[in-house]
C-alpha atoms as a PDB file:
ATOM      1  CA  MET A   1     152.894 142.745  66.241  1.00  0.00           C
ATOM      2  CA  LYS A   2     150.424 143.019  63.367  1.00  0.00           C
ATOM      3  CA  SER A   3     147.579 143.535  65.829  1.00  0.00           C
ATOM      4  CA  LEU A   4     149.284 146.477  67.565  1.00  0.00           C
ATOM      5  CA  GLN A   5     147.953 149.855  66.493  1.00  0.00           C
ATOM      6  CA  HIS A   6     149.615 152.693  68.392  1.00  0.00           C
ATOM      7  CA  PRO A   7     151.422 155.775  67.070  1.00  0.00           C
ATOM      8  CA  ASN A   8     154.457 155.057  69.277  1.00  0.00           C
ATOM      9  CA  ILE A   9     154.899 151.397  68.341  1.00  0.00           C
ATOM     10  CA  ILE A  10     156.651 150.457  65.115  1.00  0.00           C
ATOM     11  CA  LYS A  11     154.196 149.016  62.597  1.00  0.00           C
ATOM     12  CA  LEU A  12     154.671 145.562  61.150  1.00  0.00           C
ATOM     13  CA  LEU A  13     153.511 145.958  57.565  1.00  0.00           C
ATOM     14  CA  GLN A  14     154.115 142.516  56.101  1.00  0.00           C
ATOM     15  CA  VAL A  15     155.689 139.148  56.849  1.00  0.00           C
ATOM     16  CA  ILE A  16     157.294 137.186  54.015  1.00  0.00           C
ATOM     17  CA  GLN A  17     158.322 133.632  54.770  1.00  0.00           C
ATOM     18  CA  THR A  18     160.482 131.458  52.561  1.00  0.00           C
ATOM     19  CA  GLU A  19     161.779 127.969  53.286  1.00  0.00           C
ATOM     20  CA  GLU A  20     164.953 129.413  54.796  1.00  0.00           C
ATOM     21  CA  GLU A  21     164.119 132.922  55.982  1.00  0.00           C
ATOM     22  CA  VAL A  22     161.415 135.082  57.505  1.00  0.00           C
ATOM     23  CA  TYR A  23     161.355 138.716  56.421  1.00  0.00           C
ATOM     24  CA  MET A  24     159.507 141.329  58.427  1.00  0.00           C
ATOM     25  CA  VAL A  25     158.689 144.549  56.600  1.00  0.00           C
ATOM     26  CA  MET A  26     158.301 147.329  59.139  1.00  0.00           C
ATOM     27  CA  GLU A  27     157.622 151.018  59.209  1.00  0.00           C
ATOM     28  CA  TYR A  28     160.757 153.066  58.507  1.00  0.00           C
ATOM     29  CA  ALA A  29     161.996 155.245  61.361  1.00  0.00           C
ATOM     30  CA  SER A  30     164.441 157.589  59.659  1.00  0.00           C
ATOM     31  CA  GLY A  31     165.432 159.333  62.904  1.00  0.00           C
ATOM     32  CA  GLY A  32     167.332 156.236  64.049  1.00  0.00           C
ATOM     33  CA  GLU A  33     167.826 154.949  67.576  1.00  0.00           C
ATOM     34  CA  LEU A  34     167.158 157.192  70.547  1.00  0.00           C
ATOM     35  CA  ILE A  35     170.499 156.189  72.049  1.00  0.00           C
ATOM     36  CA  ASN A  36     172.335 157.764  69.110  1.00  0.00           C
ATOM     37  CA  ARG A  37     170.302 160.967  69.379  1.00  0.00           C
ATOM     38  CA  ILE A  38     171.175 161.258  73.062  1.00  0.00           C
ATOM     39  CA  HIS A  39     174.895 160.645  72.567  1.00  0.00           C
ATOM     40  CA  GLU A  40     175.147 162.930  69.534  1.00  0.00           C
ATOM     41  CA  THR A  41     173.405 165.869  71.195  1.00  0.00           C
ATOM     42  CA  SER A  42     174.588 165.403  74.798  1.00  0.00           C
ATOM     43  CA  GLY A  43     170.999 164.613  75.732  1.00  0.00           C
ATOM     44  CA  PRO A  44     167.740 166.367  75.021  1.00  0.00           C
ATOM     45  CA  GLN A  45     166.572 169.516  76.758  1.00  0.00           C
ATOM     46  CA  GLU A  46     164.020 168.974  79.523  1.00  0.00           C
ATOM     47  CA  GLU A  47     160.987 169.789  77.362  1.00  0.00           C
ATOM     48  CA  GLU A  48     162.045 167.374  74.606  1.00  0.00           C
ATOM     49  CA  ALA A  49     162.964 164.715  77.177  1.00  0.00           C
ATOM     50  CA  ARG A  50     159.494 165.066  78.711  1.00  0.00           C
ATOM     51  CA  ARG A  51     157.859 164.686  75.287  1.00  0.00           C
ATOM     52  CA  ILE A  52     159.956 161.629  74.408  1.00  0.00           C
ATOM     53  CA  PHE A  53     159.412 159.945  77.764  1.00  0.00           C
ATOM     54  CA  TRP A  54     155.663 160.621  77.655  1.00  0.00           C
ATOM     55  CA  GLN A  55     155.459 158.864  74.282  1.00  0.00           C
ATOM     56  CA  ILE A  56     157.391 155.888  75.662  1.00  0.00           C
ATOM     57  CA  ILE A  57     155.044 155.675  78.656  1.00  0.00           C
ATOM     58  CA  CYS A  58     151.971 155.879  76.395  1.00  0.00           C
ATOM     59  CA  ALA A  59     153.280 153.017  74.249  1.00  0.00           C
ATOM     60  CA  ILE A  60     154.048 150.812  77.261  1.00  0.00           C
ATOM     61  CA  GLN A  61     150.676 151.609  78.833  1.00  0.00           C
ATOM     62  CA  TYR A  62     149.041 150.524  75.568  1.00  0.00           C
ATOM     63  CA  LEU A  63     151.070 147.280  75.478  1.00  0.00           C
ATOM     64  CA  HIS A  64     150.229 146.451  79.080  1.00  0.00           C
ATOM     65  CA  GLY A  65     146.563 147.182  78.328  1.00  0.00           C
ATOM     66  CA  GLN A  66     146.853 144.566  75.557  1.00  0.00           C
ATOM     67  CA  ASP A  67     148.421 142.156  78.115  1.00  0.00           C
ATOM     68  CA  ILE A  68     151.809 142.317  76.401  1.00  0.00           C
ATOM     69  CA  ILE A  69     155.125 142.526  78.235  1.00  0.00           C
ATOM     70  CA  HIS A  70     157.822 144.093  76.030  1.00  0.00           C
ATOM     71  CA  GLY A  71     160.669 142.629  78.075  1.00  0.00           C
ATOM     72  CA  HIS A  72     163.556 144.341  76.308  1.00  0.00           C
ATOM     73  CA  LEU A  73     163.062 148.058  76.736  1.00  0.00           C
ATOM     74  CA  LYS A  74     166.237 149.997  76.198  1.00  0.00           C
ATOM     75  CA  LEU A  75     167.341 153.040  74.234  1.00  0.00           C
ATOM     76  CA  ASP A  76     168.494 150.857  71.319  1.00  0.00           C
ATOM     77  CA  ASN A  77     164.909 149.584  70.941  1.00  0.00           C
ATOM     78  CA  ILE A  78     163.367 153.028  70.853  1.00  0.00           C
ATOM     79  CA  LEU A  79     163.450 154.549  67.397  1.00  0.00           C
ATOM     80  CA  LEU A  80     162.512 158.011  66.168  1.00  0.00           C
ATOM     81  CA  ASP A  81     160.787 158.884  62.925  1.00  0.00           C
ATOM     82  CA  GLU A  82     161.592 161.947  60.802  1.00  0.00           C
ATOM     83  CA  ASP A  83     159.476 164.136  63.127  1.00  0.00           C
ATOM     84  CA  GLY A  84     161.126 162.843  66.306  1.00  0.00           C
ATOM     85  CA  THR A  85     158.125 160.689  67.232  1.00  0.00           C
ATOM     86  CA  VAL A  86     158.993 157.661  69.376  1.00  0.00           C
ATOM     87  CA  LYS A  87     158.593 154.191  67.844  1.00  0.00           C
ATOM     88  CA  ILE A  88     159.070 151.226  70.206  1.00  0.00           C
ATOM     89  CA  CYS A  89     160.503 148.176  68.417  1.00  0.00           C
ATOM     90  CA  ASP A  90     162.113 144.755  69.041  1.00  0.00           C
ATOM     91  CA  PHE A  91     159.475 142.502  70.521  1.00  0.00           C
ATOM     92  CA  GLY A  92     161.764 139.456  70.339  1.00  0.00           C
ATOM     93  CA  VAL A  93     161.456 138.572  74.045  1.00  0.00           C
ATOM     94  CA  GLY A  94     157.985 140.055  74.423  1.00  0.00           C
ATOM     95  CA  THR A  95     155.242 137.931  75.922  1.00  0.00           C
ATOM     96  CA  LYS A  96     151.464 137.989  75.637  1.00  0.00           C
ATOM     97  CA  ILE A  97     149.940 137.004  78.955  1.00  0.00           C
ATOM     98  CA  THR A  98     146.504 136.392  80.395  1.00  0.00           C
ATOM     99  CA  PRO A  99     145.442 138.487  83.411  1.00  0.00           C
ATOM    100  CA  GLU A 100     145.395 135.504  85.786  1.00  0.00           C
ATOM    101  CA  GLN A 101     148.687 134.106  84.491  1.00  0.00           C
ATOM    102  CA  LYS A 102     151.788 133.909  86.649  1.00  0.00           C
ATOM    103  CA  LEU A 103     155.113 134.081  84.865  1.00  0.00           C
ATOM    104  CA  ASN A 104     157.314 131.025  85.086  1.00  0.00           C
ATOM    105  CA  ARG A 105     160.253 132.670  83.354  1.00  0.00           C
ATOM    106  CA  ILE A 106     161.951 136.037  83.185  1.00  0.00           C
ATOM    107  CA  CYS A 107     160.820 137.997  80.123  1.00  0.00           C
ATOM    108  CA  SER A 108     163.880 140.198  79.718  1.00  0.00           C
ATOM    109  CA  THR A 109     167.618 140.077  79.329  1.00  0.00           C
ATOM    110  CA  LEU A 110     169.567 139.808  82.594  1.00  0.00           C
ATOM    111  CA  PRO A 111     170.968 143.368  82.717  1.00  0.00           C
ATOM    112  CA  ASP A 112     167.474 144.735  82.057  1.00  0.00           C
ATOM    113  CA  THR A 113     165.712 142.582  84.638  1.00  0.00           C
ATOM    114  CA  ALA A 114     163.837 144.152  87.543  1.00  0.00           C
ATOM    115  CA  PRO A 115     164.949 143.128  91.048  1.00  0.00           C
ATOM    116  CA  GLU A 116     161.476 141.660  91.645  1.00  0.00           C
ATOM    117  CA  ALA A 117     162.014 139.156  88.852  1.00  0.00           C
ATOM    118  CA  LEU A 118     165.459 138.208  90.099  1.00  0.00           C
ATOM    119  CA  LEU A 119     164.012 137.664  93.564  1.00  0.00           C
ATOM    120  CA  HIS A 120     161.401 135.332  91.997  1.00  0.00           C
ATOM    121  CA  LYS A 121     158.440 137.612  92.637  1.00  0.00           C
ATOM    122  CA  ARG A 122     156.404 137.130  89.491  1.00  0.00           C
ATOM    123  CA  GLU A 123     155.167 140.682  89.029  1.00  0.00           C
ATOM    124  CA  LEU A 124     153.914 140.637  85.448  1.00  0.00           C
ATOM    125  CA  PHE A 125     154.925 144.122  84.311  1.00  0.00           C
ATOM    126  CA  ALA A 126     157.716 144.849  86.819  1.00  0.00           C
ATOM    127  CA  GLY A 127     160.500 144.508  84.242  1.00  0.00           C
ATOM    128  CA  ASP A 128     159.009 147.035  81.860  1.00  0.00           C
ATOM    129  CA  ILE A 129     158.306 149.485  84.683  1.00  0.00           C
ATOM    130  CA  TRP A 130     161.842 149.030  86.040  1.00  0.00           C
ATOM    131  CA  ARG A 131     163.295 149.770  82.616  1.00  0.00           C
ATOM    132  CA  LEU A 132     161.184 152.924  82.245  1.00  0.00           C
ATOM    133  CA  GLY A 133     163.026 154.348  85.246  1.00  0.00           C
ATOM    134  CA  ALA A 134     166.382 153.350  83.797  1.00  0.00           C
ATOM    135  CA  ILE A 135     165.447 154.849  80.413  1.00  0.00           C
ATOM    136  CA  LEU A 136     164.442 158.147  82.022  1.00  0.00           C
ATOM    137  CA  SER A 137     167.795 158.238  83.782  1.00  0.00           C
ATOM    138  CA  GLU A 138     169.603 157.493  80.517  1.00  0.00           C
ATOM    139  CA  ILE A 139     167.685 160.218  78.685  1.00  0.00           C
ATOM    140  CA  MET A 140     168.383 162.847  81.342  1.00  0.00           C
ATOM    141  CA  VAL A 141     171.923 161.917  82.386  1.00  0.00           C
ATOM    142  CA  GLY A 142     173.201 160.108  79.299  1.00  0.00           C
ATOM    143  CA  LEU A 143     174.453 157.100  81.253  1.00  0.00           C
ATOM    144  CA  THR A 144     173.082 153.646  81.973  1.00  0.00           C
ATOM    145  CA  PRO A 145     172.258 153.657  85.698  1.00  0.00           C
ATOM    146  CA  PHE A 146     173.344 150.046  86.259  1.00  0.00           C
ATOM    147  CA  LYS A 147     176.327 148.785  84.294  1.00  0.00           C
ATOM    148  CA  GLU A 148     176.254 145.392  86.008  1.00  0.00           C
ATOM    149  CA  ILE A 149     173.980 143.369  88.250  1.00  0.00           C
ATOM    150  CA  HIS A 150     174.945 143.475  91.918  1.00  0.00           C
ATOM    151  CA  PRO A 151     175.783 139.941  93.223  1.00  0.00           C
ATOM    152  CA  PHE A 152     173.115 140.364  95.935  1.00  0.00           C
ATOM    153  CA  TYR A 153     170.382 139.968  93.333  1.00  0.00           C
ATOM    154  CA  LEU A 154     171.800 136.756  91.904  1.00  0.00           C
ATOM    155  CA  LYS A 155     171.506 134.769  95.163  1.00  0.00           C
END
């Protein structure tokens, strides 16, 4: 995370490690989680939604250009600063890959996993792209498009 320099990705300022704990000091995003903003305001107007989604896309494009899969994109992991600027956070299941690498594991949580990954097609960035569509739906409609995974995908 320290190497990432993008205006729409939360900055990792310092890491402090003790014998028992690791502390990560990050940029403060006083606007809170995007999910709360959407639920409190009944969703953004189209122009604001376009601005927010564009910032999310720019951040993910930057990550993919750095060969990083976020793997856990969801409204809870998209923060806003005091100006309403998007800040992507939570890289806990993120993965740095090499261009010729094939994934041997799913880099996301099950409800956020793209069908391609569940069908064992190792498309490197499919999960993040899949979640962008779900996030756009959540921003515009205010609901998660898929509350559960259909049993067809688990076969």
